[in-house]
Amino acid sequence: MAQQAASRRAFLRSAGRFGAAVLASGAVDGDWLFAQAQASAADALRARMGVLPIQKTPLGRGITMLAGPGGNVVVLQSPAGKILVDGFLKPAWPKLKAELDALDGSPIKSLIDTHWHLDHADNNGNARADGAGVIAHDNTRKRLLEPHDLAGMHFDPVPSADIPTQTFASGLTLNATVEQIRLQRIAPAHTDTDIFVHFPKANVLHMGDVFFNGFYPFIDVSTGGHINGMIDGVTSALQIANATTKVVPGHGPAGDLEALRAYGRMLAGIRDKVRTLKASGKSLADVKAAKPSADYDARWGTGGVPADAFVEVVYTTVR
């Protein structure tokens, strides 16, 4: 876990000035990302993060969390084949496949994208080439087919082989024999493509990047993300989770109900302070100077998105 946290912090430091913010966890040094040309920065990120090891955490019988080169992947083993939630960055595919094959000999049946960002959906094409279907929200397909400039990186529309094979508007239930997996759309929060993936029998909830466990989250304003949506997403998750639920974040260690509640309190606490200051006519500079995140920085502001950067996105999106 220490290695995972250190690599996550290193990447967030390099990519984490708001206006050129964070997509993934990983190990990079300094602010190298911004020295790269936009056209090659995404590939540079893939190359640097692709070497990260994959760490395995059992979540219950037949369900496993894999952490490493692009957040957290959840794997459900079933007689019909494996179900994956998210898929790391492209260079990690051989290592991911090796980990999956070591679990059992079954094929990958489905890969579920929690949202459109490359650290979660980058291996759609490899999964499809391996015979799997790819499932995502309607907006993930839309965003993958658009060009984007984000976090100092340029993204062209993905090739047709990388787009999801099945999408849905509000919700979907998958019959995996051992589980009835529930996919639920979340109103725009981290992006406008977010979904939760709930494994009721195993009592596991994967929240994608609506939940960053242990540090301030990146919110992608360019594709619909905003602070109120993040808070609403946590509220929705709290209606699903119970005292024994294993709550998987997009980045950070697996959490539980109390970790999720603490995260929600932090989001709402900073949002409310920023909203009050903004409503009184304070400029962004004034709000930053007031340090509205001060009560939370010791726990949430070390090594991730800098506090000022998070305050800025809250100020920008608060309603």
C-alpha atoms as a PDB file:
ATOM      1  CA  MET A   1       0.000   0.000   0.000  1.00  0.00           C
ATOM      2  CA  ALA A   2       2.890   2.390   0.751  1.00  0.00           C
ATOM      3  CA  GLN A   3       4.298   1.805  -2.728  1.00  0.00           C
ATOM      4  CA  GLN A   4       0.903   2.467  -4.288  1.00  0.00           C
ATOM      5  CA  ALA A   5       0.474   5.689  -2.322  1.00  0.00           C
ATOM      6  CA  ALA A   6       3.976   6.903  -3.169  1.00  0.00           C
ATOM      7  CA  SER A   7       3.557   6.299  -6.891  1.00  0.00           C
ATOM      8  CA  ARG A   8       0.138   7.960  -6.866  1.00  0.00           C
ATOM      9  CA  ARG A   9       1.512  11.040  -5.090  1.00  0.00           C
ATOM     10  CA  ALA A  10       4.433  11.327  -7.493  1.00  0.00           C
ATOM     11  CA  PHE A  11       2.162  11.386 -10.516  1.00  0.00           C
ATOM     12  CA  LEU A  12      -0.285  13.787  -8.941  1.00  0.00           C
ATOM     13  CA  ARG A  13       2.551  16.175  -8.148  1.00  0.00           C
ATOM     14  CA  SER A  14       3.683  16.133 -11.762  1.00  0.00           C
ATOM     15  CA  ALA A  15       0.245  16.579 -13.289  1.00  0.00           C
ATOM     16  CA  GLY A  16      -1.581  18.232 -10.461  1.00  0.00           C
ATOM     17  CA  ARG A  17      -1.681  21.998 -10.996  1.00  0.00           C
ATOM     18  CA  PHE A  18      -5.262  22.906 -11.729  1.00  0.00           C
ATOM     19  CA  GLY A  19      -5.721  23.826 -15.366  1.00  0.00           C
ATOM     20  CA  ALA A  20      -3.474  20.895 -16.222  1.00  0.00           C
ATOM     21  CA  ALA A  21      -4.755  18.451 -13.670  1.00  0.00           C
ATOM     22  CA  VAL A  22      -4.721  14.777 -12.913  1.00  0.00           C
ATOM     23  CA  LEU A  23      -5.884  11.693 -14.735  1.00  0.00           C
ATOM     24  CA  ALA A  24      -4.195   8.792 -13.062  1.00  0.00           C
ATOM     25  CA  SER A  25      -1.993   7.416 -10.327  1.00  0.00           C
ATOM     26  CA  GLY A  26       1.592   6.575 -11.151  1.00  0.00           C
ATOM     27  CA  ALA A  27       5.288   7.221 -10.704  1.00  0.00           C
ATOM     28  CA  VAL A  28       6.824  10.195 -12.491  1.00  0.00           C
ATOM     29  CA  ASP A  29       9.300  12.840 -11.377  1.00  0.00           C
ATOM     30  CA  GLY A  30       8.825  16.568 -11.054  1.00  0.00           C
ATOM     31  CA  ASP A  31       6.784  18.568 -13.548  1.00  0.00           C
ATOM     32  CA  TRP A  32       8.062  16.734 -16.614  1.00  0.00           C
ATOM     33  CA  LEU A  33       4.552  16.369 -18.072  1.00  0.00           C
ATOM     34  CA  PHE A  34       4.312  20.032 -18.950  1.00  0.00           C
ATOM     35  CA  ALA A  35       7.609  19.928 -20.871  1.00  0.00           C
ATOM     36  CA  GLN A  36       6.122  17.424 -23.276  1.00  0.00           C
ATOM     37  CA  ALA A  37       4.335  18.452 -26.446  1.00  0.00           C
ATOM     38  CA  GLN A  38       0.600  17.807 -26.128  1.00  0.00           C
ATOM     39  CA  ALA A  39       0.623  15.329 -28.975  1.00  0.00           C
ATOM     40  CA  SER A  40       3.161  13.073 -27.248  1.00  0.00           C
ATOM     41  CA  ALA A  41       2.347  13.701 -23.590  1.00  0.00           C
ATOM     42  CA  ALA A  42      -0.273  10.955 -23.376  1.00  0.00           C
ATOM     43  CA  ASP A  43       2.161   8.415 -24.812  1.00  0.00           C
ATOM     44  CA  ALA A  44       4.864   9.637 -22.434  1.00  0.00           C
ATOM     45  CA  LEU A  45       2.469   9.146 -19.548  1.00  0.00           C
ATOM     46  CA  ARG A  46       1.637   5.645 -20.742  1.00  0.00           C
ATOM     47  CA  ALA A  47       5.316   4.751 -21.044  1.00  0.00           C
ATOM     48  CA  ARG A  48       6.228   6.039 -17.598  1.00  0.00           C
ATOM     49  CA  MET A  49       3.260   4.473 -15.845  1.00  0.00           C
ATOM     50  CA  GLY A  50       3.294   1.236 -17.783  1.00  0.00           C
ATOM     51  CA  VAL A  51       6.251  -0.039 -15.786  1.00  0.00           C
ATOM     52  CA  LEU A  52       4.421   0.135 -12.456  1.00  0.00           C
ATOM     53  CA  PRO A  53       3.829  -3.184 -10.701  1.00  0.00           C
ATOM     54  CA  ILE A  54       0.309  -4.466 -10.135  1.00  0.00           C
ATOM     55  CA  GLN A  55      -0.736  -5.011  -6.527  1.00  0.00           C
ATOM     56  CA  LYS A  56      -3.454  -7.539  -5.722  1.00  0.00           C
ATOM     57  CA  THR A  57      -6.021  -7.206  -2.920  1.00  0.00           C
ATOM     58  CA  PRO A  58      -8.668  -9.937  -2.437  1.00  0.00           C
ATOM     59  CA  LEU A  59     -12.098  -8.424  -1.792  1.00  0.00           C
ATOM     60  CA  GLY A  60     -13.924 -11.699  -1.228  1.00  0.00           C
ATOM     61  CA  ARG A  61     -14.371 -15.083  -2.804  1.00  0.00           C
ATOM     62  CA  GLY A  62     -13.795 -14.750  -6.533  1.00  0.00           C
ATOM     63  CA  ILE A  63     -13.437 -10.957  -6.542  1.00  0.00           C
ATOM     64  CA  THR A  64     -10.122  -9.096  -6.549  1.00  0.00           C
ATOM     65  CA  MET A  65      -8.835  -5.526  -6.742  1.00  0.00           C
ATOM     66  CA  LEU A  66      -5.739  -4.888  -8.853  1.00  0.00           C
ATOM     67  CA  ALA A  67      -3.973  -1.547  -8.305  1.00  0.00           C
ATOM     68  CA  GLY A  68      -1.144  -0.075 -10.341  1.00  0.00           C
ATOM     69  CA  PRO A  69      -0.694   1.516 -13.758  1.00  0.00           C
ATOM     70  CA  GLY A  70      -3.931   3.489 -13.873  1.00  0.00           C
ATOM     71  CA  GLY A  71      -6.020   3.328 -10.726  1.00  0.00           C
ATOM     72  CA  ASN A  72      -7.952   0.316  -9.505  1.00  0.00           C
ATOM     73  CA  VAL A  73      -9.288  -2.611 -11.526  1.00  0.00           C
ATOM     74  CA  VAL A  74     -11.838  -4.999 -10.026  1.00  0.00           C
ATOM     75  CA  VAL A  75     -12.048  -8.566 -11.371  1.00  0.00           C
ATOM     76  CA  LEU A  76     -14.980 -10.909 -10.816  1.00  0.00           C
ATOM     77  CA  GLN A  77     -14.380 -14.568 -11.640  1.00  0.00           C
ATOM     78  CA  SER A  78     -17.412 -16.432 -12.926  1.00  0.00           C
ATOM     79  CA  PRO A  79     -18.048 -19.679 -14.814  1.00  0.00           C
ATOM     80  CA  ALA A  80     -18.934 -17.656 -17.909  1.00  0.00           C
ATOM     81  CA  GLY A  81     -15.679 -15.701 -17.817  1.00  0.00           C
ATOM     82  CA  LYS A  82     -14.122 -12.798 -15.990  1.00  0.00           C
ATOM     83  CA  ILE A  83     -15.784  -9.419 -15.609  1.00  0.00           C
ATOM     84  CA  LEU A  84     -13.363  -6.480 -15.346  1.00  0.00           C
ATOM     85  CA  VAL A  85     -14.131  -2.997 -14.106  1.00  0.00           C
ATOM     86  CA  ASP A  86     -11.645  -0.624 -15.776  1.00  0.00           C
ATOM     87  CA  GLY A  87      -8.459  -1.753 -17.465  1.00  0.00           C
ATOM     88  CA  PHE A  88      -5.310   0.302 -16.735  1.00  0.00           C
ATOM     89  CA  LEU A  89      -3.197   2.007 -19.409  1.00  0.00           C
ATOM     90  CA  LYS A  90      -2.220   0.265 -22.648  1.00  0.00           C
ATOM     91  CA  PRO A  91       1.385  -0.687 -21.769  1.00  0.00           C
ATOM     92  CA  ALA A  92       0.086  -2.543 -18.709  1.00  0.00           C
ATOM     93  CA  TRP A  93      -2.006  -4.963 -20.763  1.00  0.00           C
ATOM     94  CA  PRO A  94       0.519  -7.860 -20.821  1.00  0.00           C
ATOM     95  CA  LYS A  95       0.967  -7.637 -17.043  1.00  0.00           C
ATOM     96  CA  LEU A  96      -2.772  -7.336 -16.499  1.00  0.00           C
ATOM     97  CA  LYS A  97      -3.402 -10.386 -18.685  1.00  0.00           C
ATOM     98  CA  ALA A  98      -0.796 -12.345 -16.759  1.00  0.00           C
ATOM     99  CA  GLU A  99      -2.493 -11.465 -13.469  1.00  0.00           C
ATOM    100  CA  LEU A 100      -5.881 -12.436 -14.854  1.00  0.00           C
ATOM    101  CA  ASP A 101      -4.600 -15.734 -16.242  1.00  0.00           C
ATOM    102  CA  ALA A 102      -3.051 -16.524 -12.870  1.00  0.00           C
ATOM    103  CA  LEU A 103      -6.487 -16.225 -11.233  1.00  0.00           C
ATOM    104  CA  ASP A 104      -7.984 -18.923 -13.469  1.00  0.00           C
ATOM    105  CA  GLY A 105      -8.020 -20.048 -17.063  1.00  0.00           C
ATOM    106  CA  SER A 106     -11.311 -18.449 -18.048  1.00  0.00           C
ATOM    107  CA  PRO A 107     -11.472 -15.750 -20.728  1.00  0.00           C
ATOM    108  CA  ILE A 108     -12.416 -12.124 -20.187  1.00  0.00           C
ATOM    109  CA  LYS A 109     -16.123 -11.868 -20.869  1.00  0.00           C
ATOM    110  CA  SER A 110     -16.662  -8.147 -20.306  1.00  0.00           C
ATOM    111  CA  LEU A 111     -14.739  -4.980 -19.522  1.00  0.00           C
ATOM    112  CA  ILE A 112     -16.743  -2.185 -17.889  1.00  0.00           C
ATOM    113  CA  ASP A 113     -15.524   1.427 -18.174  1.00  0.00           C
ATOM    114  CA  THR A 114     -16.366   3.568 -15.143  1.00  0.00           C
ATOM    115  CA  HIS A 115     -15.748   6.673 -17.319  1.00  0.00           C
ATOM    116  CA  TRP A 116     -13.896   7.839 -20.417  1.00  0.00           C
ATOM    117  CA  HIS A 117     -10.406   8.809 -19.126  1.00  0.00           C
ATOM    118  CA  LEU A 118      -7.428   6.969 -20.547  1.00  0.00           C
ATOM    119  CA  ASP A 119      -6.310   5.438 -17.242  1.00  0.00           C
ATOM    120  CA  HIS A 120      -9.634   3.587 -17.124  1.00  0.00           C
ATOM    121  CA  ALA A 121     -10.657   2.997 -20.760  1.00  0.00           C
ATOM    122  CA  ASP A 122      -7.275   2.782 -22.510  1.00  0.00           C
ATOM    123  CA  ASN A 123      -7.376  -0.998 -22.921  1.00  0.00           C
ATOM    124  CA  ASN A 124     -10.817  -1.236 -24.492  1.00  0.00           C
ATOM    125  CA  GLY A 125      -9.250  -2.253 -27.788  1.00  0.00           C
ATOM    126  CA  ASN A 126      -7.054  -4.927 -26.238  1.00  0.00           C
ATOM    127  CA  ALA A 127     -10.010  -6.353 -24.339  1.00  0.00           C
ATOM    128  CA  ARG A 128     -12.079  -6.467 -27.510  1.00  0.00           C
ATOM    129  CA  ALA A 129      -9.233  -8.107 -29.426  1.00  0.00           C
ATOM    130  CA  ASP A 130      -9.161 -10.744 -26.673  1.00  0.00           C
ATOM    131  CA  GLY A 131     -12.825 -11.507 -27.312  1.00  0.00           C
ATOM    132  CA  ALA A 132     -14.436  -9.419 -24.577  1.00  0.00           C
ATOM    133  CA  GLY A 133     -17.332  -7.015 -24.852  1.00  0.00           C
ATOM    134  CA  VAL A 134     -16.869  -3.473 -23.541  1.00  0.00           C
ATOM    135  CA  ILE A 135     -19.703  -1.851 -21.581  1.00  0.00           C
ATOM    136  CA  ALA A 136     -20.003   1.831 -20.671  1.00  0.00           C
ATOM    137  CA  HIS A 137     -22.396   4.719 -20.301  1.00  0.00           C
ATOM    138  CA  ASP A 138     -23.680   6.367 -23.494  1.00  0.00           C
ATOM    139  CA  ASN A 139     -21.596   9.460 -22.757  1.00  0.00           C
ATOM    140  CA  THR A 140     -18.373   7.445 -22.524  1.00  0.00           C
ATOM    141  CA  ARG A 141     -18.841   6.372 -26.115  1.00  0.00           C
ATOM    142  CA  LYS A 142     -19.579   9.993 -27.059  1.00  0.00           C
ATOM    143  CA  ARG A 143     -16.488  11.338 -25.286  1.00  0.00           C
ATOM    144  CA  LEU A 144     -14.188   8.669 -26.715  1.00  0.00           C
ATOM    145  CA  LEU A 145     -15.275   9.681 -30.209  1.00  0.00           C
ATOM    146  CA  GLU A 146     -14.360  13.341 -29.587  1.00  0.00           C
ATOM    147  CA  PRO A 147     -10.960  15.096 -29.495  1.00  0.00           C
ATOM    148  CA  HIS A 148      -9.915  16.434 -26.093  1.00  0.00           C
ATOM    149  CA  ASP A 149      -7.169  18.584 -24.597  1.00  0.00           C
ATOM    150  CA  LEU A 150      -6.821  17.740 -20.931  1.00  0.00           C
ATOM    151  CA  ALA A 151      -4.067  17.824 -18.315  1.00  0.00           C
ATOM    152  CA  GLY A 152      -1.491  18.950 -20.861  1.00  0.00           C
ATOM    153  CA  MET A 153      -2.375  16.080 -23.175  1.00  0.00           C
ATOM    154  CA  HIS A 154      -4.183  15.925 -26.493  1.00  0.00           C
ATOM    155  CA  PHE A 155      -6.470  13.010 -27.284  1.00  0.00           C
ATOM    156  CA  ASP A 156      -7.711  12.239 -30.765  1.00  0.00           C
ATOM    157  CA  PRO A 157     -10.961  10.299 -31.159  1.00  0.00           C
ATOM    158  CA  VAL A 158     -10.290   6.636 -30.477  1.00  0.00           C
ATOM    159  CA  PRO A 159     -10.342   4.145 -33.354  1.00  0.00           C
ATOM    160  CA  SER A 160     -13.503   2.139 -33.897  1.00  0.00           C
ATOM    161  CA  ALA A 161     -11.874  -0.941 -32.333  1.00  0.00           C
ATOM    162  CA  ASP A 162     -11.641   0.903 -28.993  1.00  0.00           C
ATOM    163  CA  ILE A 163     -15.229   2.078 -28.600  1.00  0.00           C
ATOM    164  CA  PRO A 164     -17.604   0.256 -26.228  1.00  0.00           C
ATOM    165  CA  THR A 165     -19.661  -2.522 -27.768  1.00  0.00           C
ATOM    166  CA  GLN A 166     -22.626  -1.914 -25.446  1.00  0.00           C
ATOM    167  CA  THR A 167     -23.807   1.300 -23.812  1.00  0.00           C
ATOM    168  CA  PHE A 168     -26.711   2.296 -21.604  1.00  0.00           C
ATOM    169  CA  ALA A 169     -28.441   5.499 -20.536  1.00  0.00           C
ATOM    170  CA  SER A 170     -29.362   5.053 -16.871  1.00  0.00           C
ATOM    171  CA  GLY A 171     -28.729   1.540 -15.581  1.00  0.00           C
ATOM    172  CA  LEU A 172     -27.940  -2.019 -16.564  1.00  0.00           C
ATOM    173  CA  THR A 173     -27.856  -5.386 -14.781  1.00  0.00           C
ATOM    174  CA  LEU A 174     -25.404  -8.068 -15.911  1.00  0.00           C
ATOM    175  CA  ASN A 175     -26.000 -11.716 -15.097  1.00  0.00           C
ATOM    176  CA  ALA A 176     -22.580 -13.143 -14.280  1.00  0.00           C
ATOM    177  CA  THR A 177     -24.006 -16.401 -12.823  1.00  0.00           C
ATOM    178  CA  VAL A 178     -22.355 -15.788  -9.457  1.00  0.00           C
ATOM    179  CA  GLU A 179     -23.511 -12.151  -9.323  1.00  0.00           C
ATOM    180  CA  GLN A 180     -26.172  -9.824 -10.664  1.00  0.00           C
ATOM    181  CA  ILE A 181     -23.853  -6.886 -11.325  1.00  0.00           C
ATOM    182  CA  ARG A 182     -25.593  -3.529 -11.245  1.00  0.00           C
ATOM    183  CA  LEU A 183     -24.323  -0.631 -13.323  1.00  0.00           C
ATOM    184  CA  GLN A 184     -25.737   2.743 -12.336  1.00  0.00           C
ATOM    185  CA  ARG A 185     -25.323   6.065 -14.046  1.00  0.00           C
ATOM    186  CA  ILE A 186     -24.241   8.979 -11.865  1.00  0.00           C
ATOM    187  CA  ALA A 187     -25.253  12.525 -12.759  1.00  0.00           C
ATOM    188  CA  PRO A 188     -22.165  14.534 -13.849  1.00  0.00           C
ATOM    189  CA  ALA A 189     -19.601  14.444 -11.059  1.00  0.00           C
ATOM    190  CA  HIS A 190     -15.975  13.642 -11.951  1.00  0.00           C
ATOM    191  CA  THR A 191     -17.091  13.754 -15.615  1.00  0.00           C
ATOM    192  CA  ASP A 192     -20.442  13.402 -17.378  1.00  0.00           C
ATOM    193  CA  THR A 193     -19.628   9.731 -18.109  1.00  0.00           C
ATOM    194  CA  ASP A 194     -19.438   8.294 -14.570  1.00  0.00           C
ATOM    195  CA  ILE A 195     -21.025   5.044 -13.422  1.00  0.00           C
ATOM    196  CA  PHE A 196     -20.973   2.955 -10.263  1.00  0.00           C
ATOM    197  CA  VAL A 197     -20.531  -0.818 -10.479  1.00  0.00           C
ATOM    198  CA  HIS A 198     -22.133  -2.737  -7.611  1.00  0.00           C
ATOM    199  CA  PHE A 199     -21.573  -6.398  -6.784  1.00  0.00           C
ATOM    200  CA  PRO A 200     -24.413  -7.006  -4.279  1.00  0.00           C
ATOM    201  CA  LYS A 201     -23.543 -10.568  -3.277  1.00  0.00           C
ATOM    202  CA  ALA A 202     -19.874  -9.776  -2.698  1.00  0.00           C
ATOM    203  CA  ASN A 203     -20.895  -6.408  -1.209  1.00  0.00           C
ATOM    204  CA  VAL A 204     -18.360  -4.497  -3.309  1.00  0.00           C
ATOM    205  CA  LEU A 205     -18.983  -1.084  -4.842  1.00  0.00           C
ATOM    206  CA  HIS A 206     -16.588   0.361  -7.448  1.00  0.00           C
ATOM    207  CA  MET A 207     -17.121   4.136  -7.630  1.00  0.00           C
ATOM    208  CA  GLY A 208     -14.590   5.006 -10.310  1.00  0.00           C
ATOM    209  CA  ASP A 209     -13.179   8.504  -9.956  1.00  0.00           C
ATOM    210  CA  VAL A 210     -16.174   9.836  -8.078  1.00  0.00           C
ATOM    211  CA  PHE A 211     -14.176   8.560  -5.062  1.00  0.00           C
ATOM    212  CA  PHE A 212     -10.481   9.380  -4.530  1.00  0.00           C
ATOM    213  CA  ASN A 213      -9.534   7.752  -1.226  1.00  0.00           C
ATOM    214  CA  GLY A 214      -7.092   9.789   0.846  1.00  0.00           C
ATOM    215  CA  PHE A 215      -6.506  12.888  -1.271  1.00  0.00           C
ATOM    216  CA  TYR A 216      -8.275  15.709  -3.040  1.00  0.00           C
ATOM    217  CA  PRO A 217      -9.955  14.552  -6.264  1.00  0.00           C
ATOM    218  CA  PHE A 218      -9.415  15.711  -9.787  1.00  0.00           C
ATOM    219  CA  ILE A 219     -12.657  17.004 -11.319  1.00  0.00           C
ATOM    220  CA  ASP A 220     -12.709  17.193 -15.119  1.00  0.00           C
ATOM    221  CA  VAL A 221     -14.597  20.415 -15.781  1.00  0.00           C
ATOM    222  CA  SER A 222     -13.989  20.060 -19.524  1.00  0.00           C
ATOM    223  CA  THR A 223     -16.331  17.064 -19.728  1.00  0.00           C
ATOM    224  CA  GLY A 224     -19.001  18.103 -17.288  1.00  0.00           C
ATOM    225  CA  GLY A 225     -17.484  17.486 -13.865  1.00  0.00           C
ATOM    226  CA  HIS A 226     -18.318  19.733 -10.897  1.00  0.00           C
ATOM    227  CA  ILE A 227     -18.147  19.735  -7.114  1.00  0.00           C
ATOM    228  CA  ASN A 228     -21.883  19.462  -6.476  1.00  0.00           C
ATOM    229  CA  GLY A 229     -22.002  16.364  -8.647  1.00  0.00           C
ATOM    230  CA  MET A 230     -19.169  14.777  -6.684  1.00  0.00           C
ATOM    231  CA  ILE A 231     -21.049  15.375  -3.436  1.00  0.00           C
ATOM    232  CA  ASP A 232     -24.296  14.062  -4.925  1.00  0.00           C
ATOM    233  CA  GLY A 233     -22.399  11.004  -6.133  1.00  0.00           C
ATOM    234  CA  VAL A 234     -21.158  10.271  -2.633  1.00  0.00           C
ATOM    235  CA  THR A 235     -24.716  10.680  -1.337  1.00  0.00           C
ATOM    236  CA  SER A 236     -25.895   8.124  -3.908  1.00  0.00           C
ATOM    237  CA  ALA A 237     -23.132   5.713  -2.932  1.00  0.00           C
ATOM    238  CA  LEU A 238     -24.044   6.017   0.740  1.00  0.00           C
ATOM    239  CA  GLN A 239     -27.520   4.772  -0.153  1.00  0.00           C
ATOM    240  CA  ILE A 240     -25.948   1.629  -1.648  1.00  0.00           C
ATOM    241  CA  ALA A 241     -23.178   0.911   0.857  1.00  0.00           C
ATOM    242  CA  ASN A 242     -23.520  -0.535   4.346  1.00  0.00           C
ATOM    243  CA  ALA A 243     -21.179  -1.180   7.261  1.00  0.00           C
ATOM    244  CA  THR A 244     -19.478  -4.145   5.555  1.00  0.00           C
ATOM    245  CA  THR A 245     -19.294  -2.840   1.975  1.00  0.00           C
ATOM    246  CA  LYS A 246     -15.849  -2.735   0.379  1.00  0.00           C
ATOM    247  CA  VAL A 247     -15.813   0.610  -1.443  1.00  0.00           C
ATOM    248  CA  VAL A 248     -13.315   0.730  -4.307  1.00  0.00           C
ATOM    249  CA  PRO A 249     -12.150   4.194  -5.377  1.00  0.00           C
ATOM    250  CA  GLY A 250     -10.807   5.082  -8.779  1.00  0.00           C
ATOM    251  CA  HIS A 251      -7.503   5.826  -7.033  1.00  0.00           C
ATOM    252  CA  GLY A 252      -6.233   5.038  -3.565  1.00  0.00           C
ATOM    253  CA  PRO A 253      -6.708   2.062  -1.247  1.00  0.00           C
ATOM    254  CA  ALA A 254      -9.998   0.212  -0.940  1.00  0.00           C
ATOM    255  CA  GLY A 255     -12.224   1.918   1.594  1.00  0.00           C
ATOM    256  CA  ASP A 256     -15.336   1.323   3.629  1.00  0.00           C
ATOM    257  CA  LEU A 257     -18.453   3.173   4.715  1.00  0.00           C
ATOM    258  CA  GLU A 258     -16.593   5.387   7.178  1.00  0.00           C
ATOM    259  CA  ALA A 259     -13.918   6.303   4.625  1.00  0.00           C
ATOM    260  CA  LEU A 260     -16.652   7.271   2.187  1.00  0.00           C
ATOM    261  CA  ARG A 261     -18.445   9.363   4.795  1.00  0.00           C
ATOM    262  CA  ALA A 262     -15.211  11.166   5.677  1.00  0.00           C
ATOM    263  CA  TYR A 263     -14.583  11.896   2.004  1.00  0.00           C
ATOM    264  CA  GLY A 264     -18.110  13.260   1.624  1.00  0.00           C
ATOM    265  CA  ARG A 265     -17.702  15.491   4.683  1.00  0.00           C
ATOM    266  CA  MET A 266     -14.485  16.895   3.237  1.00  0.00           C
ATOM    267  CA  LEU A 267     -16.063  17.642  -0.143  1.00  0.00           C
ATOM    268  CA  ALA A 268     -19.112  19.302   1.389  1.00  0.00           C
ATOM    269  CA  GLY A 269     -17.098  21.200   3.991  1.00  0.00           C
ATOM    270  CA  ILE A 270     -14.805  22.814   1.447  1.00  0.00           C
ATOM    271  CA  ARG A 271     -17.639  23.396  -1.016  1.00  0.00           C
ATOM    272  CA  ASP A 272     -19.731  25.192   1.581  1.00  0.00           C
ATOM    273  CA  LYS A 273     -16.896  27.472   2.678  1.00  0.00           C
ATOM    274  CA  VAL A 274     -15.978  28.342  -0.902  1.00  0.00           C
ATOM    275  CA  ARG A 275     -19.607  28.942  -1.842  1.00  0.00           C
ATOM    276  CA  THR A 276     -20.112  31.339   1.073  1.00  0.00           C
ATOM    277  CA  LEU A 277     -16.985  33.290   0.205  1.00  0.00           C
ATOM    278  CA  LYS A 278     -17.843  33.425  -3.490  1.00  0.00           C
ATOM    279  CA  ALA A 279     -21.413  34.558  -2.762  1.00  0.00           C
ATOM    280  CA  SER A 280     -20.003  37.426  -0.682  1.00  0.00           C
ATOM    281  CA  GLY A 281     -18.195  38.717  -3.766  1.00  0.00           C
ATOM    282  CA  LYS A 282     -14.727  37.324  -3.059  1.00  0.00           C
ATOM    283  CA  SER A 283     -12.474  36.767  -6.038  1.00  0.00           C
ATOM    284  CA  LEU A 284     -10.720  33.471  -6.649  1.00  0.00           C
ATOM    285  CA  ALA A 285      -7.486  34.962  -5.303  1.00  0.00           C
ATOM    286  CA  ASP A 286      -9.308  36.139  -2.170  1.00  0.00           C
ATOM    287  CA  VAL A 287     -10.857  32.705  -1.646  1.00  0.00           C
ATOM    288  CA  LYS A 288      -7.517  30.958  -2.028  1.00  0.00           C
ATOM    289  CA  ALA A 289      -5.980  33.384   0.451  1.00  0.00           C
ATOM    290  CA  ALA A 290      -8.721  32.537   2.950  1.00  0.00           C
ATOM    291  CA  LYS A 291      -7.579  28.874   2.948  1.00  0.00           C
ATOM    292  CA  PRO A 292     -11.043  27.254   2.999  1.00  0.00           C
ATOM    293  CA  SER A 293      -9.460  23.793   2.898  1.00  0.00           C
ATOM    294  CA  ALA A 294      -7.195  24.374   5.912  1.00  0.00           C
ATOM    295  CA  ASP A 295      -9.153  22.057   8.218  1.00  0.00           C
ATOM    296  CA  TYR A 296      -8.738  19.192   5.746  1.00  0.00           C
ATOM    297  CA  ASP A 297      -5.265  19.670   4.265  1.00  0.00           C
ATOM    298  CA  ALA A 298      -3.412  17.507   6.780  1.00  0.00           C
ATOM    299  CA  ARG A 299      -5.482  14.460   5.836  1.00  0.00           C
ATOM    300  CA  TRP A 300      -6.402  15.096   2.206  1.00  0.00           C
ATOM    301  CA  GLY A 301      -3.851  17.571   0.860  1.00  0.00           C
ATOM    302  CA  THR A 302      -0.587  15.671   1.031  1.00  0.00           C
ATOM    303  CA  GLY A 303       0.813  14.418  -2.234  1.00  0.00           C
ATOM    304  CA  GLY A 304      -2.297  14.626  -4.386  1.00  0.00           C
ATOM    305  CA  VAL A 305      -4.023  17.504  -6.128  1.00  0.00           C
ATOM    306  CA  PRO A 306      -2.684  20.610  -4.324  1.00  0.00           C
ATOM    307  CA  ALA A 307      -5.149  22.313  -1.996  1.00  0.00           C
ATOM    308  CA  ASP A 308      -5.144  25.566  -3.985  1.00  0.00           C
ATOM    309  CA  ALA A 309      -5.841  23.645  -7.177  1.00  0.00           C
ATOM    310  CA  PHE A 310      -8.773  21.856  -5.610  1.00  0.00           C
ATOM    311  CA  VAL A 311     -10.143  25.104  -4.171  1.00  0.00           C
ATOM    312  CA  GLU A 312      -9.928  26.608  -7.655  1.00  0.00           C
ATOM    313  CA  VAL A 313     -12.017  23.896  -9.275  1.00  0.00           C
ATOM    314  CA  VAL A 314     -14.528  24.119  -6.432  1.00  0.00           C
ATOM    315  CA  TYR A 315     -14.744  27.897  -6.904  1.00  0.00           C
ATOM    316  CA  THR A 316     -15.131  27.451 -10.663  1.00  0.00           C
ATOM    317  CA  THR A 317     -17.929  24.909 -10.452  1.00  0.00           C
ATOM    318  CA  VAL A 318     -19.761  25.649  -7.199  1.00  0.00           C
ATOM    319  CA  ARG A 319     -23.455  26.507  -7.512  1.00  0.00           C
END
